[in-house]
Each structure stands twice: as structure tokens, then as C-alpha cells.
């Protein structure tokens, strides 16, 4: 069973920064892709950024402000969030996806990010 554990959320003022971490219970290179999603109250969960091999895919709303990175040695994926806005307030979830033998998504428990104006 794969476990993903997020950390690093919190309360920050607009314009501030936070770094989220997602520690996986197995080698992250074993996943086809990893990423971060978020869900604000009353809204659907949405993709923030995904990373597949060397390729990244950022949501337009965070492009240029957020940066995904990974440390294979620590089996950890990070999300550096800069220039935070109140509309970034949400629960952030780490995701890992495998494609073989079937497509399967793994999720962390989520970490709250609150940006005050």
C-alpha cells in the first residue's frame, strides 16, 4: 500500500511563500507521474501541477508563481509556492499515479493552505 504524507501547509499573508512536501512510502521514480491538486470550499478538486519524467504541467493560475521539484533520494516531492494570493486558499493534496498494470491514483491526506489578504 502506497502512503503519501503531506506537510508544510499553514497560514500566510498575501505575497508570502510556503513550501509543501509530499513524502512517499516507496521510490517516487516508480510512479508514472506525481503532482499536486487543491480543493477550495465548495469547489471541485483541481490540478495545480503535475510532473512526468522531465515534463511539468502547471495550471495557468499558478504558472510563474509555483514550482514543483523532487528529491529521488528522499522519495519526496515539493511544491514551492511564492507570491501567494487569497484565491490560493485550499486543501492541497499530493497525487501519485501508476499506469501499469492499471491506472491507479494515490492520494495524501491533504494539507491546509490559507492565504490572508
C-alpha atoms as a PDB file:
ATOM      1  CA  UNK A   1       0.000   0.000   0.000  1.00  0.00           C
ATOM      2  CA  UNK A   2       1.386   3.374  -1.009  1.00  0.00           C
ATOM      3  CA  UNK A   3       1.315   6.196   1.505  1.00  0.00           C
ATOM      4  CA  UNK A   4       1.758   9.856   0.684  1.00  0.00           C
ATOM      5  CA  UNK A   5       2.234  12.247   3.583  1.00  0.00           C
ATOM      6  CA  UNK A   6       1.979  15.977   3.008  1.00  0.00           C
ATOM      7  CA  UNK A   7       3.355  18.666   5.256  1.00  0.00           C
ATOM      8  CA  UNK A   8       4.138  22.357   5.154  1.00  0.00           C
ATOM      9  CA  UNK A   9       0.724  23.955   4.976  1.00  0.00           C
ATOM     10  CA  UNK A  10      -0.287  26.859   7.136  1.00  0.00           C
ATOM     11  CA  UNK A  11      -1.445  30.434   7.305  1.00  0.00           C
ATOM     12  CA  UNK A  12       0.418  33.088   5.350  1.00  0.00           C
ATOM     13  CA  UNK A  13      -0.244  36.645   4.254  1.00  0.00           C
ATOM     14  CA  UNK A  14      -0.798  37.515   0.631  1.00  0.00           C
ATOM     15  CA  UNK A  15       2.509  37.835  -1.166  1.00  0.00           C
ATOM     16  CA  UNK A  16       4.163  35.315   1.123  1.00  0.00           C
ATOM     17  CA  UNK A  17       5.598  31.880   0.442  1.00  0.00           C
ATOM     18  CA  UNK A  18       5.138  28.324   1.607  1.00  0.00           C
ATOM     19  CA  UNK A  19       6.768  25.048   0.675  1.00  0.00           C
ATOM     20  CA  UNK A  20       4.763  21.857   0.744  1.00  0.00           C
ATOM     21  CA  UNK A  21       6.360  18.445   0.981  1.00  0.00           C
ATOM     22  CA  UNK A  22       4.997  15.044  -0.013  1.00  0.00           C
ATOM     23  CA  UNK A  23       6.872  12.046   1.305  1.00  0.00           C
ATOM     24  CA  UNK A  24       6.127   8.742  -0.417  1.00  0.00           C
ATOM     25  CA  UNK A  25       6.431   5.287   1.114  1.00  0.00           C
ATOM     26  CA  UNK A  26       8.168   3.928  -1.961  1.00  0.00           C
ATOM     27  CA  UNK A  27      10.534   5.111  -4.691  1.00  0.00           C
ATOM     28  CA  UNK A  28       8.941   8.056  -6.456  1.00  0.00           C
ATOM     29  CA  UNK A  29      10.533   7.109  -9.763  1.00  0.00           C
ATOM     30  CA  UNK A  30       8.257   4.053  -9.704  1.00  0.00           C
ATOM     31  CA  UNK A  31       5.285   6.323 -10.379  1.00  0.00           C
ATOM     32  CA  UNK A  32       4.368   7.396 -13.872  1.00  0.00           C
ATOM     33  CA  UNK A  33       3.605  10.883 -12.605  1.00  0.00           C
ATOM     34  CA  UNK A  34       3.238  12.874  -9.427  1.00  0.00           C
ATOM     35  CA  UNK A  35       1.534  16.130  -8.758  1.00  0.00           C
ATOM     36  CA  UNK A  36      -0.352  18.499  -6.551  1.00  0.00           C
ATOM     37  CA  UNK A  37      -4.071  19.180  -6.585  1.00  0.00           C
ATOM     38  CA  UNK A  38      -6.122  21.548  -4.499  1.00  0.00           C
ATOM     39  CA  UNK A  39      -9.713  21.872  -3.393  1.00  0.00           C
ATOM     40  CA  UNK A  40     -11.255  25.066  -2.126  1.00  0.00           C
ATOM     41  CA  UNK A  41     -14.529  25.066  -0.169  1.00  0.00           C
ATOM     42  CA  UNK A  42     -17.473  24.479  -2.469  1.00  0.00           C
ATOM     43  CA  UNK A  43     -15.281  23.798  -5.469  1.00  0.00           C
ATOM     44  CA  UNK A  44     -14.043  20.741  -7.290  1.00  0.00           C
ATOM     45  CA  UNK A  45     -10.556  19.431  -6.827  1.00  0.00           C
ATOM     46  CA  UNK A  46      -8.286  20.900  -9.482  1.00  0.00           C
ATOM     47  CA  UNK A  47      -4.825  20.202 -10.796  1.00  0.00           C
ATOM     48  CA  UNK A  48      -2.138  22.597  -9.628  1.00  0.00           C
ATOM     49  CA  UNK A  49       0.871  20.953 -11.242  1.00  0.00           C
ATOM     50  CA  UNK A  50       1.989  17.535 -12.395  1.00  0.00           C
ATOM     51  CA  UNK A  51       5.395  16.151 -13.253  1.00  0.00           C
ATOM     52  CA  UNK A  52       6.004  13.250 -15.622  1.00  0.00           C
ATOM     53  CA  UNK A  53       9.647  12.498 -16.188  1.00  0.00           C
ATOM     54  CA  UNK A  54      11.209  15.844 -17.092  1.00  0.00           C
ATOM     55  CA  UNK A  55       7.916  17.417 -18.126  1.00  0.00           C
ATOM     56  CA  UNK A  56       5.814  19.649 -15.915  1.00  0.00           C
ATOM     57  CA  UNK A  57       2.296  20.896 -16.410  1.00  0.00           C
ATOM     58  CA  UNK A  58       1.201  23.915 -14.407  1.00  0.00           C
ATOM     59  CA  UNK A  59      -2.271  25.350 -14.094  1.00  0.00           C
ATOM     60  CA  UNK A  60      -2.438  28.805 -15.646  1.00  0.00           C
ATOM     61  CA  UNK A  61      -3.429  30.284 -12.306  1.00  0.00           C
ATOM     62  CA  UNK A  62      -0.140  29.281 -10.658  1.00  0.00           C
ATOM     63  CA  UNK A  63       2.290  29.299 -13.564  1.00  0.00           C
ATOM     64  CA  UNK A  64       5.249  31.503 -12.721  1.00  0.00           C
ATOM     65  CA  UNK A  65       4.466  31.513  -9.004  1.00  0.00           C
ATOM     66  CA  UNK A  66       4.616  27.829  -8.028  1.00  0.00           C
ATOM     67  CA  UNK A  67       7.437  25.379  -8.668  1.00  0.00           C
ATOM     68  CA  UNK A  68       7.383  21.611  -8.351  1.00  0.00           C
ATOM     69  CA  UNK A  69      10.554  19.677  -7.617  1.00  0.00           C
ATOM     70  CA  UNK A  70      11.518  16.245  -6.384  1.00  0.00           C
ATOM     71  CA  UNK A  71      14.271  14.563  -4.447  1.00  0.00           C
ATOM     72  CA  UNK A  72      14.518  10.947  -5.525  1.00  0.00           C
ATOM     73  CA  UNK A  73      16.900  10.106  -2.699  1.00  0.00           C
ATOM     74  CA  UNK A  74      14.318  11.239  -0.139  1.00  0.00           C
ATOM     75  CA  UNK A  75      11.293   9.977  -2.104  1.00  0.00           C
ATOM     76  CA  UNK A  76       9.825  13.421  -1.682  1.00  0.00           C
ATOM     77  CA  UNK A  77       8.109  15.896  -3.975  1.00  0.00           C
ATOM     78  CA  UNK A  78       7.954  19.567  -3.125  1.00  0.00           C
ATOM     79  CA  UNK A  79       5.738  22.460  -4.102  1.00  0.00           C
ATOM     80  CA  UNK A  80       7.295  25.875  -3.656  1.00  0.00           C
ATOM     81  CA  UNK A  81       4.553  28.482  -3.602  1.00  0.00           C
ATOM     82  CA  UNK A  82       5.539  32.135  -3.964  1.00  0.00           C
ATOM     83  CA  UNK A  83       3.534  35.325  -4.355  1.00  0.00           C
ATOM     84  CA  UNK A  84       0.576  33.642  -2.720  1.00  0.00           C
ATOM     85  CA  UNK A  85      -2.884  35.073  -3.225  1.00  0.00           C
ATOM     86  CA  UNK A  86      -6.057  34.671  -1.167  1.00  0.00           C
ATOM     87  CA  UNK A  87      -7.526  32.636  -4.026  1.00  0.00           C
ATOM     88  CA  UNK A  88      -4.791  30.042  -3.454  1.00  0.00           C
ATOM     89  CA  UNK A  89      -6.518  29.128  -0.187  1.00  0.00           C
ATOM     90  CA  UNK A  90      -7.431  25.443  -0.341  1.00  0.00           C
ATOM     91  CA  UNK A  91      -6.582  21.995   0.884  1.00  0.00           C
ATOM     92  CA  UNK A  92      -3.619  20.785  -1.134  1.00  0.00           C
ATOM     93  CA  UNK A  93      -3.317  17.096  -1.981  1.00  0.00           C
ATOM     94  CA  UNK A  94      -0.344  15.165  -3.218  1.00  0.00           C
ATOM     95  CA  UNK A  95      -1.037  12.689  -6.006  1.00  0.00           C
ATOM     96  CA  UNK A  96       0.914   9.780  -7.450  1.00  0.00           C
ATOM     97  CA  UNK A  97      -0.219   7.812 -10.466  1.00  0.00           C
ATOM     98  CA  UNK A  98       0.741   4.441 -11.860  1.00  0.00           C
ATOM     99  CA  UNK A  99      -0.326   3.165 -15.277  1.00  0.00           C
ATOM    100  CA  UNK A 100       0.731  -0.488 -15.107  1.00  0.00           C
ATOM    101  CA  UNK A 101      -0.997  -2.859 -14.841  1.00  0.00           C
ATOM    102  CA  UNK A 102      -3.934  -0.454 -14.488  1.00  0.00           C
ATOM    103  CA  UNK A 103      -4.260   3.267 -13.936  1.00  0.00           C
ATOM    104  CA  UNK A 104      -4.317   3.953 -10.243  1.00  0.00           C
ATOM    105  CA  UNK A 105      -4.183   7.178  -8.274  1.00  0.00           C
ATOM    106  CA  UNK A 106      -2.817   7.503  -4.773  1.00  0.00           C
ATOM    107  CA  UNK A 107      -3.630  10.493  -2.579  1.00  0.00           C
ATOM    108  CA  UNK A 108      -2.264  12.059   0.538  1.00  0.00           C
ATOM    109  CA  UNK A 109      -4.456  13.231   3.376  1.00  0.00           C
ATOM    110  CA  UNK A 110      -4.201  16.873   2.360  1.00  0.00           C
ATOM    111  CA  UNK A 111      -2.702  19.943   3.978  1.00  0.00           C
ATOM    112  CA  UNK A 112      -4.489  23.237   4.507  1.00  0.00           C
ATOM    113  CA  UNK A 113      -3.100  26.402   2.961  1.00  0.00           C
ATOM    114  CA  UNK A 114      -4.742  29.661   3.985  1.00  0.00           C
ATOM    115  CA  UNK A 115      -3.708  32.977   2.466  1.00  0.00           C
ATOM    116  CA  UNK A 116      -4.970  36.087   4.216  1.00  0.00           C
ATOM    117  CA  UNK A 117      -5.446  39.395   2.449  1.00  0.00           C
END
